N, C-alpha and C. Protein backbone atom coordinates (compact mmCIF):
# COMPACT_ATOMS: atom_id res chain seq x y z
N UNK A 1 -2.73 85.60 -97.66
CA UNK A 1 -3.33 85.80 -96.34
C UNK A 1 -4.62 85.01 -96.25
N UNK A 2 -4.75 84.14 -95.24
CA UNK A 2 -5.98 83.40 -95.03
C UNK A 2 -7.08 84.29 -94.51
N UNK A 3 -8.28 83.73 -94.39
CA UNK A 3 -9.41 84.53 -93.95
C UNK A 3 -9.22 85.04 -92.52
N UNK A 4 -8.54 84.27 -91.68
CA UNK A 4 -8.31 84.75 -90.32
C UNK A 4 -7.42 85.99 -90.35
N UNK A 5 -6.39 85.96 -91.23
CA UNK A 5 -5.55 87.14 -91.38
C UNK A 5 -6.33 88.32 -91.94
N UNK A 6 -7.23 88.03 -92.88
CA UNK A 6 -8.07 89.08 -93.43
C UNK A 6 -8.96 89.68 -92.35
N UNK A 7 -9.46 88.83 -91.46
CA UNK A 7 -10.31 89.33 -90.38
C UNK A 7 -9.51 90.23 -89.44
N UNK A 8 -8.28 89.81 -89.15
CA UNK A 8 -7.44 90.64 -88.29
C UNK A 8 -7.16 91.99 -88.95
N UNK A 9 -6.93 91.97 -90.28
CA UNK A 9 -6.72 93.21 -91.00
C UNK A 9 -7.99 94.06 -90.98
N UNK A 10 -9.13 93.39 -91.10
CA UNK A 10 -10.40 94.11 -91.06
C UNK A 10 -10.58 94.82 -89.73
N UNK A 11 -10.16 94.17 -88.65
CA UNK A 11 -10.25 94.79 -87.33
C UNK A 11 -9.49 96.10 -87.32
N UNK A 12 -8.29 96.10 -87.89
CA UNK A 12 -7.47 97.32 -87.89
C UNK A 12 -8.07 98.39 -88.79
N UNK A 13 -8.47 97.99 -90.01
CA UNK A 13 -8.94 98.98 -90.96
C UNK A 13 -10.35 99.47 -90.68
N UNK A 14 -11.23 98.58 -90.24
CA UNK A 14 -12.60 99.00 -89.98
C UNK A 14 -12.66 100.00 -88.84
N UNK A 15 -11.72 99.89 -87.89
CA UNK A 15 -11.71 100.84 -86.80
C UNK A 15 -11.43 102.26 -87.27
N UNK A 16 -10.78 102.38 -88.41
CA UNK A 16 -10.46 103.70 -88.94
C UNK A 16 -11.45 104.15 -90.00
N UNK A 17 -12.61 103.50 -90.07
CA UNK A 17 -13.59 103.83 -91.11
C UNK A 17 -14.05 105.26 -91.03
N UNK A 18 -14.01 105.84 -89.82
CA UNK A 18 -14.45 107.23 -89.68
C UNK A 18 -13.36 108.23 -89.99
N UNK A 19 -12.16 107.79 -90.37
CA UNK A 19 -11.06 108.70 -90.66
C UNK A 19 -11.22 109.30 -92.05
N UNK A 20 -10.47 110.37 -92.37
CA UNK A 20 -10.59 110.99 -93.69
C UNK A 20 -9.95 110.19 -94.80
N UNK A 21 -9.59 108.92 -94.56
CA UNK A 21 -8.95 108.11 -95.60
C UNK A 21 -9.88 107.91 -96.78
N UNK A 22 -11.19 107.89 -96.52
CA UNK A 22 -12.16 107.77 -97.60
C UNK A 22 -12.72 109.15 -97.87
N UNK A 23 -12.48 109.67 -99.04
CA UNK A 23 -12.83 111.05 -99.34
C UNK A 23 -14.33 111.30 -99.36
N UNK A 24 -15.11 110.35 -99.78
CA UNK A 24 -16.55 110.55 -99.89
C UNK A 24 -17.27 109.24 -99.99
N UNK A 25 -18.57 109.30 -100.14
CA UNK A 25 -19.35 108.06 -100.23
C UNK A 25 -19.00 107.26 -101.48
N UNK A 26 -19.10 105.96 -101.38
CA UNK A 26 -18.81 105.10 -102.52
C UNK A 26 -19.96 105.17 -103.51
N UNK A 27 -19.64 105.40 -104.78
CA UNK A 27 -20.68 105.51 -105.81
C UNK A 27 -21.28 104.13 -106.08
N UNK A 28 -22.59 104.06 -106.07
CA UNK A 28 -23.28 102.80 -106.31
C UNK A 28 -23.23 102.47 -107.80
N UNK A 29 -22.91 101.22 -108.12
CA UNK A 29 -22.89 100.76 -109.50
C UNK A 29 -24.24 100.16 -109.86
N UNK A 30 -24.60 100.12 -111.14
CA UNK A 30 -25.87 99.50 -111.53
C UNK A 30 -25.91 98.05 -111.09
N UNK A 31 -27.06 97.61 -110.60
CA UNK A 31 -27.21 96.22 -110.16
C UNK A 31 -27.20 95.31 -111.37
N UNK A 32 -26.37 94.26 -111.36
CA UNK A 32 -26.32 93.36 -112.52
C UNK A 32 -27.61 92.57 -112.65
N UNK A 33 -27.90 92.17 -113.87
CA UNK A 33 -29.08 91.34 -114.10
C UNK A 33 -28.82 89.94 -113.55
N UNK A 34 -29.75 89.43 -112.76
CA UNK A 34 -29.59 88.12 -112.14
C UNK A 34 -30.50 87.11 -112.83
N UNK A 35 -29.99 85.92 -113.04
CA UNK A 35 -30.80 84.86 -113.63
C UNK A 35 -30.27 83.52 -113.17
N UNK A 36 -31.08 82.51 -113.27
CA UNK A 36 -30.65 81.16 -112.92
C UNK A 36 -29.78 80.59 -114.02
N UNK A 37 -28.86 79.73 -113.63
CA UNK A 37 -28.00 79.05 -114.59
C UNK A 37 -28.64 77.72 -114.95
N UNK A 38 -28.86 77.51 -116.23
CA UNK A 38 -29.49 76.28 -116.68
C UNK A 38 -28.57 75.09 -116.54
N UNK A 39 -29.18 73.90 -116.41
CA UNK A 39 -28.38 72.68 -116.24
C UNK A 39 -27.45 72.46 -117.43
N UNK A 40 -27.88 72.89 -118.62
CA UNK A 40 -27.05 72.68 -119.81
C UNK A 40 -25.90 73.69 -119.90
N UNK A 41 -25.86 74.67 -118.98
CA UNK A 41 -24.80 75.67 -118.98
C UNK A 41 -23.71 75.35 -117.96
N UNK A 42 -23.95 74.38 -117.12
CA UNK A 42 -23.00 74.10 -116.06
C UNK A 42 -21.78 73.36 -116.60
N UNK A 43 -20.61 73.82 -116.16
CA UNK A 43 -19.38 73.18 -116.59
C UNK A 43 -19.30 71.76 -116.02
N UNK A 44 -18.77 70.81 -116.77
CA UNK A 44 -18.68 69.42 -116.29
C UNK A 44 -17.55 69.25 -115.29
N UNK A 45 -17.73 69.83 -114.09
CA UNK A 45 -16.70 69.77 -113.05
C UNK A 45 -17.11 68.71 -112.02
N UNK A 46 -16.25 67.74 -111.79
CA UNK A 46 -16.52 66.71 -110.81
C UNK A 46 -16.47 67.33 -109.41
N UNK A 47 -17.47 67.02 -108.57
CA UNK A 47 -17.53 67.62 -107.25
C UNK A 47 -16.34 67.23 -106.38
N UNK A 48 -15.89 65.99 -106.49
CA UNK A 48 -14.72 65.57 -105.73
C UNK A 48 -13.48 66.34 -106.13
N UNK A 49 -13.32 66.54 -107.43
CA UNK A 49 -12.17 67.30 -107.92
C UNK A 49 -12.28 68.76 -107.50
N UNK A 50 -13.50 69.29 -107.51
CA UNK A 50 -13.74 70.66 -107.07
C UNK A 50 -13.26 70.83 -105.63
N UNK A 51 -13.68 69.91 -104.77
CA UNK A 51 -13.27 70.00 -103.36
C UNK A 51 -11.75 69.86 -103.22
N UNK A 52 -11.15 68.93 -103.99
CA UNK A 52 -9.71 68.69 -103.87
C UNK A 52 -8.91 69.92 -104.25
N UNK A 53 -9.27 70.53 -105.38
CA UNK A 53 -8.52 71.69 -105.86
C UNK A 53 -8.75 72.90 -104.95
N UNK A 54 -10.00 73.16 -104.59
CA UNK A 54 -10.28 74.31 -103.73
C UNK A 54 -9.71 74.11 -102.33
N UNK A 55 -9.47 72.85 -101.96
CA UNK A 55 -8.88 72.58 -100.65
C UNK A 55 -7.44 73.03 -100.53
N UNK A 56 -6.79 73.35 -101.65
CA UNK A 56 -5.42 73.85 -101.60
C UNK A 56 -5.37 75.29 -101.11
N UNK A 57 -6.55 75.94 -101.06
CA UNK A 57 -6.60 77.33 -100.58
C UNK A 57 -6.81 77.30 -99.06
N UNK A 58 -5.77 77.69 -98.32
CA UNK A 58 -5.87 77.68 -96.86
C UNK A 58 -6.79 78.79 -96.39
N UNK A 59 -7.64 78.48 -95.42
CA UNK A 59 -8.56 79.48 -94.89
C UNK A 59 -8.46 79.54 -93.38
N UNK A 60 -8.92 80.63 -92.84
CA UNK A 60 -9.14 80.72 -91.42
C UNK A 60 -10.42 79.98 -91.08
N UNK A 61 -10.69 79.83 -89.80
CA UNK A 61 -11.88 79.12 -89.36
C UNK A 61 -12.62 80.00 -88.36
N UNK A 62 -13.92 80.11 -88.51
CA UNK A 62 -14.72 80.92 -87.61
C UNK A 62 -15.89 80.11 -87.06
N UNK A 63 -16.49 80.60 -86.00
CA UNK A 63 -17.78 80.13 -85.53
C UNK A 63 -18.71 81.34 -85.54
N UNK A 64 -19.79 81.23 -86.30
CA UNK A 64 -20.79 82.29 -86.37
C UNK A 64 -21.86 81.99 -85.32
N UNK A 65 -22.12 82.94 -84.45
CA UNK A 65 -23.07 82.73 -83.36
C UNK A 65 -24.18 83.78 -83.42
N UNK A 66 -25.28 83.48 -82.76
CA UNK A 66 -26.40 84.42 -82.66
C UNK A 66 -27.18 84.13 -81.39
N UNK A 67 -27.82 85.15 -80.81
CA UNK A 67 -28.65 84.90 -79.64
C UNK A 67 -29.96 84.25 -80.06
N UNK A 68 -30.69 83.69 -79.11
CA UNK A 68 -32.01 83.15 -79.42
C UNK A 68 -32.88 84.29 -79.93
N UNK A 69 -33.52 84.09 -81.08
CA UNK A 69 -34.30 85.14 -81.71
C UNK A 69 -35.75 85.14 -81.27
N UNK A 70 -36.52 86.12 -81.73
CA UNK A 70 -37.94 86.17 -81.39
C UNK A 70 -38.67 84.95 -81.92
N UNK A 71 -39.60 84.45 -81.13
CA UNK A 71 -40.37 83.28 -81.55
C UNK A 71 -39.74 81.96 -81.18
N UNK A 72 -38.52 81.99 -80.61
CA UNK A 72 -37.88 80.74 -80.19
C UNK A 72 -38.60 80.22 -78.94
N UNK A 73 -38.70 78.91 -78.77
CA UNK A 73 -39.33 78.35 -77.57
C UNK A 73 -38.62 78.81 -76.31
N UNK A 74 -39.34 78.94 -75.19
CA UNK A 74 -38.71 79.35 -73.93
C UNK A 74 -37.56 78.40 -73.57
N UNK A 75 -36.49 78.98 -73.09
CA UNK A 75 -35.34 78.19 -72.69
C UNK A 75 -34.41 77.82 -73.82
N UNK A 76 -34.72 78.27 -75.03
CA UNK A 76 -33.85 77.97 -76.17
C UNK A 76 -32.53 78.72 -76.02
N UNK A 77 -31.45 78.03 -76.23
CA UNK A 77 -30.13 78.64 -76.13
C UNK A 77 -29.73 79.34 -77.41
N UNK A 78 -28.52 79.87 -77.44
CA UNK A 78 -28.03 80.56 -78.64
C UNK A 78 -27.75 79.58 -79.78
N UNK A 79 -27.52 80.13 -80.96
CA UNK A 79 -27.24 79.34 -82.15
C UNK A 79 -25.79 79.56 -82.58
N UNK A 80 -25.23 78.57 -83.28
CA UNK A 80 -23.88 78.74 -83.78
C UNK A 80 -23.47 77.61 -84.70
N UNK A 81 -22.58 77.90 -85.63
CA UNK A 81 -22.05 76.86 -86.52
C UNK A 81 -20.65 77.24 -86.98
N UNK A 82 -19.85 76.21 -87.29
CA UNK A 82 -18.50 76.42 -87.79
C UNK A 82 -18.56 76.87 -89.24
N UNK A 83 -17.75 77.86 -89.59
CA UNK A 83 -17.82 78.45 -90.93
C UNK A 83 -16.42 78.83 -91.40
N UNK A 84 -16.02 78.28 -92.55
CA UNK A 84 -14.76 78.68 -93.19
C UNK A 84 -14.97 79.80 -94.19
N UNK A 85 -16.18 79.88 -94.74
CA UNK A 85 -16.44 80.84 -95.83
C UNK A 85 -16.79 82.20 -95.25
N UNK A 86 -15.79 82.88 -94.72
CA UNK A 86 -15.96 84.22 -94.15
C UNK A 86 -14.96 85.16 -94.77
N UNK A 87 -15.35 86.42 -94.96
CA UNK A 87 -14.44 87.40 -95.55
C UNK A 87 -14.85 88.81 -95.18
N UNK A 88 -13.88 89.71 -95.10
CA UNK A 88 -14.20 91.12 -95.06
C UNK A 88 -14.71 91.51 -96.44
N UNK A 89 -15.56 92.53 -96.52
CA UNK A 89 -16.21 92.87 -97.79
C UNK A 89 -16.07 94.34 -98.14
N UNK A 90 -16.34 95.23 -97.21
CA UNK A 90 -16.37 96.65 -97.52
C UNK A 90 -15.87 97.45 -96.33
N UNK A 91 -15.17 98.55 -96.62
CA UNK A 91 -14.69 99.45 -95.58
C UNK A 91 -15.69 100.55 -95.29
N UNK A 92 -16.34 101.06 -96.32
CA UNK A 92 -17.31 102.15 -96.17
C UNK A 92 -18.56 101.87 -96.98
N UNK A 93 -19.62 101.33 -96.36
CA UNK A 93 -19.76 101.05 -94.93
C UNK A 93 -19.01 99.78 -94.54
N UNK A 94 -18.75 99.59 -93.26
CA UNK A 94 -18.02 98.39 -92.83
C UNK A 94 -18.90 97.15 -92.95
N UNK A 95 -18.55 96.26 -93.88
CA UNK A 95 -19.34 95.05 -94.13
C UNK A 95 -18.42 93.83 -94.15
N UNK A 96 -18.95 92.72 -93.68
CA UNK A 96 -18.31 91.41 -93.81
C UNK A 96 -19.34 90.46 -94.40
N UNK A 97 -18.91 89.26 -94.78
CA UNK A 97 -19.87 88.29 -95.29
C UNK A 97 -19.44 86.88 -94.94
N UNK A 98 -20.43 86.00 -94.89
CA UNK A 98 -20.13 84.58 -94.76
C UNK A 98 -21.13 83.81 -95.61
N UNK A 99 -20.77 82.58 -95.96
CA UNK A 99 -21.62 81.73 -96.77
C UNK A 99 -22.11 80.56 -95.93
N UNK A 100 -23.38 80.21 -96.12
CA UNK A 100 -23.97 79.11 -95.35
C UNK A 100 -24.83 78.28 -96.29
N UNK A 101 -24.81 76.95 -96.11
CA UNK A 101 -25.60 76.07 -96.96
C UNK A 101 -27.09 76.32 -96.80
N UNK A 102 -27.82 76.20 -97.90
CA UNK A 102 -29.27 76.43 -97.86
C UNK A 102 -29.97 75.44 -96.95
N UNK A 103 -29.39 74.27 -96.75
CA UNK A 103 -30.03 73.25 -95.92
C UNK A 103 -29.63 73.36 -94.45
N UNK A 104 -28.84 74.37 -94.09
CA UNK A 104 -28.40 74.52 -92.71
C UNK A 104 -29.60 74.68 -91.78
N UNK A 105 -29.58 73.95 -90.67
CA UNK A 105 -30.64 74.09 -89.67
C UNK A 105 -30.37 75.25 -88.72
N UNK A 106 -29.14 75.75 -88.71
CA UNK A 106 -28.78 76.86 -87.83
C UNK A 106 -29.10 78.21 -88.47
N UNK A 107 -28.95 78.31 -89.79
CA UNK A 107 -29.16 79.59 -90.45
C UNK A 107 -30.53 80.20 -90.18
N UNK A 108 -31.65 79.46 -90.22
CA UNK A 108 -32.94 80.11 -89.94
C UNK A 108 -32.98 80.76 -88.57
N UNK A 109 -32.29 80.20 -87.59
CA UNK A 109 -32.25 80.79 -86.26
C UNK A 109 -31.46 82.10 -86.27
N UNK A 110 -30.35 82.12 -87.00
CA UNK A 110 -29.57 83.36 -87.11
C UNK A 110 -30.38 84.42 -87.84
N UNK A 111 -31.10 84.01 -88.88
CA UNK A 111 -31.93 84.95 -89.63
C UNK A 111 -33.01 85.55 -88.74
N UNK A 112 -33.63 84.73 -87.89
CA UNK A 112 -34.66 85.25 -86.98
C UNK A 112 -34.08 86.24 -85.98
N UNK A 113 -32.85 85.97 -85.53
CA UNK A 113 -32.20 86.88 -84.58
C UNK A 113 -31.89 88.22 -85.25
N UNK A 114 -31.59 88.19 -86.55
CA UNK A 114 -31.29 89.42 -87.28
C UNK A 114 -29.89 89.96 -87.04
N UNK A 115 -29.08 89.21 -86.32
CA UNK A 115 -27.73 89.65 -86.01
C UNK A 115 -26.85 88.43 -85.75
N UNK A 116 -25.55 88.65 -85.71
CA UNK A 116 -24.62 87.54 -85.47
C UNK A 116 -23.27 88.08 -85.04
N UNK A 117 -22.46 87.18 -84.50
CA UNK A 117 -21.08 87.51 -84.17
C UNK A 117 -20.18 86.47 -84.83
N UNK A 118 -19.18 86.92 -85.55
CA UNK A 118 -18.19 86.03 -86.15
C UNK A 118 -17.02 85.91 -85.18
N UNK A 119 -16.77 84.69 -84.72
CA UNK A 119 -15.65 84.42 -83.82
C UNK A 119 -14.53 83.77 -84.62
N UNK A 120 -13.43 84.48 -84.80
CA UNK A 120 -12.28 83.94 -85.53
C UNK A 120 -11.49 83.06 -84.56
N UNK A 121 -11.43 81.77 -84.84
CA UNK A 121 -10.86 80.83 -83.87
C UNK A 121 -9.34 80.89 -83.81
N UNK A 122 -8.82 80.62 -82.61
CA UNK A 122 -7.40 80.55 -82.41
C UNK A 122 -6.87 79.15 -82.71
N UNK A 123 -5.56 79.03 -82.82
CA UNK A 123 -4.93 77.77 -83.23
C UNK A 123 -5.19 76.65 -82.24
N UNK A 124 -5.55 76.98 -81.00
CA UNK A 124 -5.79 75.98 -79.97
C UNK A 124 -7.24 75.51 -79.93
N UNK A 125 -8.09 75.99 -80.86
CA UNK A 125 -9.52 75.76 -80.77
C UNK A 125 -10.06 74.78 -81.82
N UNK A 126 -9.23 73.83 -82.24
CA UNK A 126 -9.68 72.85 -83.21
C UNK A 126 -10.82 72.00 -82.68
N UNK A 127 -10.74 71.56 -81.43
CA UNK A 127 -11.82 70.75 -80.87
C UNK A 127 -13.10 71.56 -80.76
N UNK A 128 -12.99 72.83 -80.41
CA UNK A 128 -14.16 73.70 -80.35
C UNK A 128 -14.83 73.79 -81.71
N UNK A 129 -14.02 73.92 -82.75
CA UNK A 129 -14.56 73.98 -84.11
C UNK A 129 -15.31 72.70 -84.45
N UNK A 130 -14.74 71.57 -84.12
CA UNK A 130 -15.39 70.29 -84.40
C UNK A 130 -16.74 70.20 -83.70
N UNK A 131 -16.81 70.73 -82.48
CA UNK A 131 -18.07 70.71 -81.75
C UNK A 131 -19.15 71.52 -82.41
N UNK A 132 -18.77 72.62 -83.04
CA UNK A 132 -19.75 73.48 -83.72
C UNK A 132 -20.04 73.01 -85.14
N UNK A 133 -19.31 71.99 -85.61
CA UNK A 133 -19.52 71.48 -86.96
C UNK A 133 -20.54 70.35 -87.00
N UNK A 134 -21.02 69.90 -85.85
CA UNK A 134 -21.97 68.79 -85.81
C UNK A 134 -23.38 69.32 -85.63
N UNK A 135 -24.35 68.50 -85.99
CA UNK A 135 -25.76 68.87 -85.85
C UNK A 135 -26.41 68.06 -84.73
N UNK A 136 -27.47 68.62 -84.17
CA UNK A 136 -28.26 67.89 -83.20
C UNK A 136 -27.66 67.75 -81.83
N UNK A 137 -26.70 68.58 -81.47
CA UNK A 137 -26.09 68.52 -80.15
C UNK A 137 -26.12 69.90 -79.52
N UNK A 138 -25.91 69.95 -78.20
CA UNK A 138 -25.80 71.24 -77.51
C UNK A 138 -24.38 71.76 -77.74
N UNK A 139 -24.23 72.59 -78.76
CA UNK A 139 -22.90 73.03 -79.16
C UNK A 139 -22.22 73.91 -78.11
N UNK A 140 -23.01 74.53 -77.25
CA UNK A 140 -22.44 75.45 -76.27
C UNK A 140 -22.16 74.80 -74.92
N UNK A 141 -22.40 73.50 -74.81
CA UNK A 141 -22.14 72.80 -73.55
C UNK A 141 -20.66 72.88 -73.19
N UNK A 142 -20.35 73.44 -72.05
CA UNK A 142 -18.97 73.54 -71.59
C UNK A 142 -18.14 74.60 -72.29
N UNK A 143 -18.76 75.43 -73.12
CA UNK A 143 -18.04 76.46 -73.89
C UNK A 143 -18.14 77.80 -73.15
N UNK A 144 -17.00 78.42 -72.91
CA UNK A 144 -16.99 79.73 -72.27
C UNK A 144 -17.27 80.83 -73.26
N UNK A 145 -18.15 81.76 -72.89
CA UNK A 145 -18.43 82.90 -73.75
C UNK A 145 -19.09 84.01 -72.94
N UNK A 146 -19.04 85.22 -73.49
CA UNK A 146 -19.82 86.32 -72.96
C UNK A 146 -20.64 86.90 -74.10
N UNK A 147 -21.33 88.01 -73.84
CA UNK A 147 -22.22 88.59 -74.85
C UNK A 147 -21.50 89.67 -75.63
N UNK A 148 -21.57 89.60 -76.96
CA UNK A 148 -21.05 90.67 -77.80
C UNK A 148 -21.80 91.96 -77.45
N UNK A 149 -21.13 93.12 -77.52
CA UNK A 149 -21.69 94.34 -76.94
C UNK A 149 -22.95 94.88 -77.59
N UNK A 150 -23.18 94.62 -78.88
CA UNK A 150 -24.34 95.18 -79.55
C UNK A 150 -25.44 94.15 -79.74
N UNK A 151 -25.11 93.00 -80.33
CA UNK A 151 -26.13 92.00 -80.65
C UNK A 151 -26.44 91.06 -79.49
N UNK A 152 -25.51 90.94 -78.54
CA UNK A 152 -25.67 89.96 -77.48
C UNK A 152 -25.34 88.55 -77.91
N UNK A 153 -24.83 88.39 -79.12
CA UNK A 153 -24.44 87.06 -79.61
C UNK A 153 -23.27 86.52 -78.79
N UNK A 154 -23.15 85.20 -78.66
CA UNK A 154 -22.02 84.64 -77.91
C UNK A 154 -20.68 85.04 -78.51
N UNK A 155 -19.82 85.56 -77.66
CA UNK A 155 -18.45 85.91 -78.02
C UNK A 155 -17.56 84.90 -77.31
N UNK A 156 -16.98 83.99 -78.08
CA UNK A 156 -16.32 82.82 -77.51
C UNK A 156 -14.99 83.15 -76.85
N UNK A 157 -14.76 82.54 -75.71
CA UNK A 157 -13.51 82.75 -74.98
C UNK A 157 -12.33 82.23 -75.78
N UNK A 158 -11.26 83.00 -75.80
CA UNK A 158 -10.03 82.56 -76.45
C UNK A 158 -9.98 82.79 -77.94
N UNK A 159 -11.01 83.38 -78.54
CA UNK A 159 -11.01 83.61 -79.99
C UNK A 159 -9.96 84.64 -80.37
N UNK A 160 -9.43 84.51 -81.58
CA UNK A 160 -8.42 85.45 -82.05
C UNK A 160 -9.03 86.82 -82.35
N UNK A 161 -10.30 86.84 -82.76
CA UNK A 161 -10.99 88.10 -83.05
C UNK A 161 -12.48 87.85 -83.04
N UNK A 162 -13.26 88.91 -82.89
CA UNK A 162 -14.72 88.81 -82.94
C UNK A 162 -15.26 90.03 -83.68
N UNK A 163 -16.32 89.80 -84.45
CA UNK A 163 -16.94 90.85 -85.25
C UNK A 163 -18.44 90.77 -85.02
N UNK A 164 -19.01 91.79 -84.39
CA UNK A 164 -20.42 91.82 -84.01
C UNK A 164 -21.20 92.55 -85.11
N UNK A 165 -22.23 91.90 -85.66
CA UNK A 165 -22.87 92.41 -86.88
C UNK A 165 -24.39 92.38 -86.82
N UNK A 166 -24.99 93.22 -87.63
CA UNK A 166 -26.41 93.17 -87.96
C UNK A 166 -26.54 92.66 -89.39
N UNK A 167 -27.50 91.78 -89.65
CA UNK A 167 -27.68 91.28 -91.02
C UNK A 167 -28.07 92.44 -91.93
N UNK A 168 -27.30 92.61 -92.98
CA UNK A 168 -27.47 93.73 -93.92
C UNK A 168 -28.17 93.30 -95.20
N UNK A 169 -27.82 92.10 -95.70
CA UNK A 169 -28.41 91.59 -96.95
C UNK A 169 -28.12 90.11 -97.04
N UNK A 170 -28.95 89.40 -97.81
CA UNK A 170 -28.76 87.97 -98.07
C UNK A 170 -28.95 87.75 -99.56
N UNK A 171 -27.98 87.08 -100.19
CA UNK A 171 -28.03 86.81 -101.62
C UNK A 171 -27.92 85.30 -101.86
N UNK A 172 -28.45 84.85 -102.97
CA UNK A 172 -28.33 83.43 -103.33
C UNK A 172 -27.01 83.18 -104.03
N UNK A 173 -26.46 81.99 -103.82
CA UNK A 173 -25.21 81.59 -104.47
C UNK A 173 -25.18 80.09 -104.65
N UNK A 174 -25.91 79.60 -105.64
CA UNK A 174 -25.94 78.15 -105.86
C UNK A 174 -26.62 77.45 -104.70
N UNK A 175 -25.93 76.46 -104.12
CA UNK A 175 -26.52 75.72 -103.00
C UNK A 175 -26.22 76.40 -101.66
N UNK A 176 -25.70 77.62 -101.70
CA UNK A 176 -25.41 78.38 -100.49
C UNK A 176 -26.11 79.74 -100.52
N UNK A 177 -26.15 80.38 -99.36
CA UNK A 177 -26.60 81.77 -99.24
C UNK A 177 -25.40 82.62 -98.87
N UNK A 178 -25.35 83.83 -99.39
CA UNK A 178 -24.29 84.79 -99.09
C UNK A 178 -24.88 85.82 -98.14
N UNK A 179 -24.43 85.79 -96.89
CA UNK A 179 -24.98 86.65 -95.86
C UNK A 179 -24.03 87.82 -95.62
N UNK A 180 -24.52 89.03 -95.80
CA UNK A 180 -23.73 90.24 -95.60
C UNK A 180 -24.11 90.86 -94.27
N UNK A 181 -23.13 91.17 -93.46
CA UNK A 181 -23.39 91.78 -92.16
C UNK A 181 -22.75 93.14 -92.05
N UNK A 182 -23.48 94.08 -91.45
CA UNK A 182 -22.91 95.41 -91.17
C UNK A 182 -22.25 95.35 -89.80
N UNK A 183 -21.00 95.77 -89.72
CA UNK A 183 -20.22 95.66 -88.50
C UNK A 183 -20.63 96.76 -87.52
N UNK A 184 -21.02 96.33 -86.31
CA UNK A 184 -21.40 97.26 -85.25
C UNK A 184 -20.32 97.42 -84.19
N UNK A 185 -19.52 96.39 -83.98
CA UNK A 185 -18.43 96.42 -83.00
C UNK A 185 -17.50 95.27 -83.33
N UNK A 186 -16.25 95.37 -82.88
CA UNK A 186 -15.28 94.32 -83.17
C UNK A 186 -14.06 94.48 -82.30
N UNK A 187 -13.27 93.42 -82.21
CA UNK A 187 -12.05 93.47 -81.42
C UNK A 187 -11.23 92.22 -81.67
N UNK A 188 -10.01 92.20 -81.10
CA UNK A 188 -9.12 91.06 -81.26
C UNK A 188 -8.74 90.49 -79.91
N UNK A 189 -8.08 89.34 -79.95
CA UNK A 189 -7.62 88.72 -78.72
C UNK A 189 -6.33 89.31 -78.20
N UNK A 190 -5.85 90.42 -78.82
CA UNK A 190 -4.59 91.02 -78.37
C UNK A 190 -4.82 92.17 -77.38
N UNK A 191 -6.09 92.29 -76.93
CA UNK A 191 -6.37 93.32 -75.94
C UNK A 191 -6.88 94.61 -76.55
N UNK A 192 -6.96 94.72 -77.90
CA UNK A 192 -7.50 95.90 -78.54
C UNK A 192 -9.01 95.81 -78.56
N UNK A 193 -9.69 96.87 -78.98
CA UNK A 193 -11.14 96.88 -78.94
C UNK A 193 -11.58 97.07 -77.49
N UNK A 194 -12.77 96.56 -77.16
CA UNK A 194 -13.26 96.75 -75.80
C UNK A 194 -12.98 95.53 -74.93
N UNK A 195 -12.02 94.70 -75.37
CA UNK A 195 -11.66 93.54 -74.56
C UNK A 195 -12.60 92.39 -74.80
N UNK A 196 -13.06 91.78 -73.75
CA UNK A 196 -13.93 90.62 -73.89
C UNK A 196 -13.18 89.35 -73.59
N UNK A 197 -13.85 88.23 -73.78
CA UNK A 197 -13.26 86.94 -73.42
C UNK A 197 -11.97 86.70 -74.20
N UNK A 198 -10.93 86.28 -73.50
CA UNK A 198 -9.68 85.90 -74.14
C UNK A 198 -8.90 87.06 -74.71
N UNK A 199 -9.02 88.27 -74.13
CA UNK A 199 -8.37 89.44 -74.71
C UNK A 199 -7.04 89.77 -74.04
N UNK A 200 -6.41 88.83 -73.37
CA UNK A 200 -5.21 89.13 -72.62
C UNK A 200 -3.94 89.11 -73.46
N UNK A 201 -3.90 88.30 -74.52
CA UNK A 201 -2.68 88.18 -75.31
C UNK A 201 -3.05 87.87 -76.76
N UNK A 202 -2.09 88.13 -77.65
CA UNK A 202 -2.33 87.84 -79.06
C UNK A 202 -2.56 86.35 -79.25
N UNK A 203 -3.52 86.01 -80.11
CA UNK A 203 -3.89 84.62 -80.34
C UNK A 203 -3.61 84.27 -81.80
N UNK A 204 -2.82 83.22 -82.04
CA UNK A 204 -2.56 82.77 -83.41
C UNK A 204 -3.83 82.15 -83.97
N UNK A 205 -4.10 82.32 -85.28
CA UNK A 205 -5.34 81.83 -85.86
C UNK A 205 -5.31 80.33 -86.15
N UNK A 206 -6.49 79.73 -86.15
CA UNK A 206 -6.65 78.34 -86.59
C UNK A 206 -6.80 78.34 -88.11
N UNK A 207 -6.03 77.50 -88.79
CA UNK A 207 -6.06 77.44 -90.25
C UNK A 207 -6.50 76.05 -90.71
N UNK A 208 -7.17 76.03 -91.85
CA UNK A 208 -7.69 74.77 -92.43
C UNK A 208 -7.14 74.64 -93.85
N UNK A 209 -6.52 73.49 -94.15
CA UNK A 209 -5.89 73.30 -95.47
C UNK A 209 -5.92 71.82 -95.82
N UNK A 210 -6.41 71.52 -97.03
CA UNK A 210 -6.48 70.14 -97.51
C UNK A 210 -7.22 69.21 -96.55
N UNK A 211 -8.31 69.69 -96.02
CA UNK A 211 -9.16 68.85 -95.19
C UNK A 211 -8.73 68.67 -93.76
N UNK A 212 -7.75 69.46 -93.29
CA UNK A 212 -7.34 69.30 -91.90
C UNK A 212 -6.83 70.64 -91.36
N UNK A 213 -6.76 70.73 -90.02
CA UNK A 213 -6.24 71.92 -89.39
C UNK A 213 -4.72 71.92 -89.48
N UNK A 214 -4.15 73.10 -89.67
CA UNK A 214 -2.69 73.23 -89.75
C UNK A 214 -2.23 74.35 -88.82
């Protein structure tokens, strides 16, 4: 199951988080000791080979969006970027996560907003994804969206699913950051949830495999 399928499953299961399926609170485990990995400890893995091999793992494609946060200049629009590294994380409490490069110019804006919406893209939204994958452009020009119900983050029209979140935690992961979000609201493009843009019919997910959409 790709990440888009996982997100769709998360929509179904997270909605039942308040059911008696979970008998009690999850016991917290001791926090592992964290340390930096020395250069002499790194495996001699070629970056090109790393990308080639990991590219065999098909993923869903999302656009992570956020409203303009406090301190943004007047007239500043919302923020957003294309993200493949998204996953459901926890049922109780309901958590999801995504990974973003440390050098991302969009991430600081999402961090300032303190919230985000994950838009799981449909199979017809490849061009939309490409638009959100570039830097230095108005990514929302000509893009239809409404406001997610809790955060106000852009909820893109035609998306297969959307997950509205508050930033819960941020962890380091090499040259990326691991952003954990607590789910406040969510829905799919099949008309479940509270509706929203593109909620009239089931939407097939956009998949990415070996460097291209499939």
